[in-house]
Protein backbone atom coordinates (compact mmCIF):
# COMPACT_ATOMS: atom_id res chain seq x y z
CA MET A 1 35.35 -2.42 -62.65
CA SER A 2 38.25 -4.92 -63.11
CA ARG A 3 40.72 -2.13 -63.59
CA ARG A 4 41.56 1.18 -61.88
CA PRO A 5 40.20 4.37 -63.33
CA ASP A 6 42.46 5.68 -65.91
CA TYR A 7 43.53 9.33 -66.74
CA VAL A 8 40.16 9.93 -68.74
CA ASP A 9 37.97 8.43 -65.95
CA ARG A 10 39.74 10.93 -63.29
CA LEU A 11 39.20 13.69 -65.81
CA ILE A 12 35.45 12.97 -65.80
CA LEU A 13 35.47 12.59 -62.03
CA VAL A 14 37.08 15.95 -61.56
CA GLU A 15 34.34 17.46 -63.76
CA LEU A 16 31.73 15.89 -61.94
CA MET A 17 33.27 16.99 -58.53
CA ARG A 18 33.52 20.39 -59.59
CA ASP A 19 29.75 20.47 -60.54
CA SER A 20 27.69 17.29 -60.31
CA ARG A 21 24.77 18.95 -62.06
CA ARG A 22 26.66 19.40 -65.37
CA SER A 23 25.36 17.53 -68.33
CA LEU A 24 27.45 14.60 -69.78
CA ARG A 25 27.39 16.46 -73.01
CA SER A 26 29.11 19.64 -71.34
CA ILE A 27 31.49 17.35 -69.70
CA ALA A 28 32.41 15.58 -73.15
CA SER A 29 32.59 18.92 -74.73
CA ARG A 30 35.09 20.33 -72.01
CA LEU A 31 37.24 17.16 -72.38
CA ASN A 32 36.90 16.92 -76.24
CA LEU A 33 35.51 13.31 -75.77
CA GLY A 34 32.35 11.98 -77.26
CA VAL A 35 29.08 12.04 -75.23
CA SER A 36 28.74 8.09 -75.66
CA THR A 37 32.30 7.88 -74.32
CA VAL A 38 31.52 9.93 -71.16
CA TYR A 39 28.18 8.12 -70.61
CA THR A 40 29.82 4.63 -70.76
CA ARG A 41 32.56 5.66 -68.50
CA VAL A 42 30.35 7.25 -65.91
CA LYS A 43 28.13 4.18 -66.03
CA ARG A 44 31.15 2.00 -65.38
CA LEU A 45 32.33 4.10 -62.50
CA VAL A 46 28.85 4.03 -60.90
CA SER A 47 28.54 0.29 -61.38
CA SER A 48 32.03 -0.33 -59.90
CA GLY A 49 31.34 1.69 -56.86
CA VAL A 50 33.96 4.33 -57.63
CA LEU A 51 31.41 7.02 -58.11
CA ARG A 52 28.85 6.50 -55.43
CA GLY A 53 26.36 9.49 -56.15
CA PHE A 54 25.83 12.71 -57.22
CA THR A 55 25.20 14.93 -54.18
CA ALA A 56 24.90 18.57 -52.95
CA GLU A 57 27.13 19.97 -50.50
CA VAL A 58 25.35 21.82 -47.68
CA ASP A 59 26.66 24.52 -45.33
CA LEU A 60 25.33 22.90 -42.17
CA ALA A 61 25.81 26.14 -40.02
CA LYS A 62 23.51 28.07 -42.80
CA LEU A 63 21.05 25.31 -42.47
CA GLY A 64 20.84 25.95 -38.73
CA MET A 65 23.20 23.17 -37.52
CA ALA A 66 25.64 25.38 -35.86
CA ALA A 67 26.79 23.20 -32.98
CA GLN A 68 29.38 20.56 -34.14
CA ALA A 69 31.71 18.14 -32.49
CA LEU A 70 34.06 15.37 -33.41
CA VAL A 71 33.52 12.45 -30.70
CA GLU A 72 36.16 9.90 -30.04
CA VAL A 73 34.62 6.61 -28.97
CA LYS A 74 36.22 3.87 -26.91
CA PRO A 75 33.88 0.63 -27.21
CA ARG A 76 33.85 -2.48 -25.18
CA PRO A 77 36.30 -5.08 -26.59
CA GLN A 78 34.64 -7.00 -29.36
CA ALA A 79 31.72 -4.41 -29.65
CA ILE A 80 33.05 -2.22 -32.12
CA ASP A 81 30.65 -3.29 -35.05
CA ARG A 82 27.62 -3.42 -32.79
CA LEU A 83 28.45 0.14 -31.27
CA ALA A 84 29.05 1.51 -35.10
CA ARG A 85 25.62 0.37 -36.13
CA ALA A 86 24.08 1.90 -33.02
CA LEU A 87 25.86 5.20 -33.45
CA LEU A 88 24.74 5.48 -36.93
CA GLU A 89 21.08 5.28 -35.68
CA HIS A 90 21.60 8.66 -33.99
CA ALA A 91 20.33 11.38 -36.54
CA GLU A 92 22.96 13.80 -35.19
CA VAL A 93 25.85 11.48 -36.29
CA VAL A 94 26.46 12.65 -39.92
CA GLU A 95 30.01 10.92 -40.32
CA LEU A 96 31.47 7.84 -38.59
CA TYR A 97 35.04 6.54 -39.00
CA GLU A 98 36.96 3.57 -37.64
CA VAL A 99 40.41 4.80 -36.93
CA SER A 100 43.51 3.61 -35.16
CA GLY A 101 44.18 3.98 -31.47
CA GLU A 102 42.71 3.69 -28.20
CA PHE A 103 39.39 5.31 -29.39
CA PRO A 104 38.74 3.45 -32.69
CA LEU A 105 35.61 5.16 -33.58
CA MET A 106 35.34 8.91 -34.42
CA ALA A 107 31.91 10.60 -35.18
CA ARG A 108 31.15 13.95 -36.47
CA VAL A 109 28.03 15.05 -34.58
CA VAL A 110 25.78 18.14 -35.68
CA SER A 111 23.00 19.85 -33.85
CA PRO A 112 21.13 23.05 -33.97
CA ASP A 113 22.52 24.45 -30.69
CA ASP A 114 24.88 23.55 -27.95
CA VAL A 115 22.13 22.22 -25.60
CA SER A 116 20.92 19.76 -28.23
CA LEU A 117 24.67 18.87 -29.00
CA VAL A 118 25.26 17.88 -25.44
CA LYS A 119 22.24 15.74 -25.18
CA ALA A 120 23.07 13.91 -28.35
CA ILE A 121 26.54 13.23 -26.97
CA GLU A 122 25.11 12.22 -23.66
CA ARG A 123 22.98 9.89 -25.62
CA MET A 124 25.93 8.26 -27.38
CA ALA A 125 27.58 8.09 -23.86
CA SER A 126 24.72 6.06 -22.53
CA HIS A 127 25.08 3.12 -24.85
CA GLU A 128 26.14 -0.03 -23.00
CA ASP A 129 28.99 -0.69 -25.45
CA VAL A 130 30.68 2.78 -24.69
CA VAL A 131 33.71 2.64 -22.42
CA ASP A 132 34.70 6.21 -22.64
CA LEU A 133 34.34 9.36 -25.05
CA ARG A 134 36.69 12.33 -25.80
CA VAL A 135 34.81 15.27 -27.19
CA ARG A 136 36.45 17.88 -29.43
CA TYR A 137 34.01 20.70 -30.25
CA ILE A 138 34.18 22.41 -33.60
CA PHE A 139 34.43 26.19 -33.25
CA GLN A 140 35.12 26.88 -36.90
CA THR A 141 35.22 24.99 -40.20
CA ARG A 142 38.49 26.29 -42.06
CA SER A 143 38.27 23.94 -45.06
CA VAL A 144 36.64 24.56 -48.54
CA ARG A 145 34.29 21.87 -49.87
CA THR A 146 35.70 18.29 -49.78
CA SER A 147 35.12 17.98 -53.50
CA GLU A 148 37.16 21.05 -54.27
CA ARG A 149 40.07 19.73 -52.14
CA LEU A 150 39.99 16.49 -53.79
CA VAL A 151 39.88 18.07 -57.21
CA ARG A 152 42.91 20.01 -56.15
CA LEU A 153 44.75 16.74 -55.14
CA LEU A 154 43.80 14.95 -58.23
CA GLU A 155 45.14 17.73 -60.22
CA THR A 156 48.53 17.55 -58.61
CA LEU A 157 48.78 13.64 -58.96
CA TYR A 158 47.70 13.38 -62.66
């Protein structure tokens, strides 16, 4: 996509974030657009990488992944890319971010229980490129679905 998503694209994205299972016909009807217009725009949003997929959001605790932590990782100099790839090989690492500061990698780690979580973090710490770790255990998740929060943000901006 050589252009940024416009107002209509953002309206379509909001509808998909509210419920990605909705048909293009129902989105078109809600937005008073033609089905072919919605189809073309969704196809363009996918091909440009703005829309990366249609997913289900899962409550990890209800799935049995009750133990979670944010792990800040300080790599050896010049090893951040290699370490990032290695951390993503750990099944328990469900998100990985490169951030500013002394600990430039931050991983969200999930596990069924505290013992398994500690073992996962210990495996991360044992990597040769890890200089130091800081662990922040997550006791309670207070936010709603990410897509719902993004919908609220988009609605305030546009």
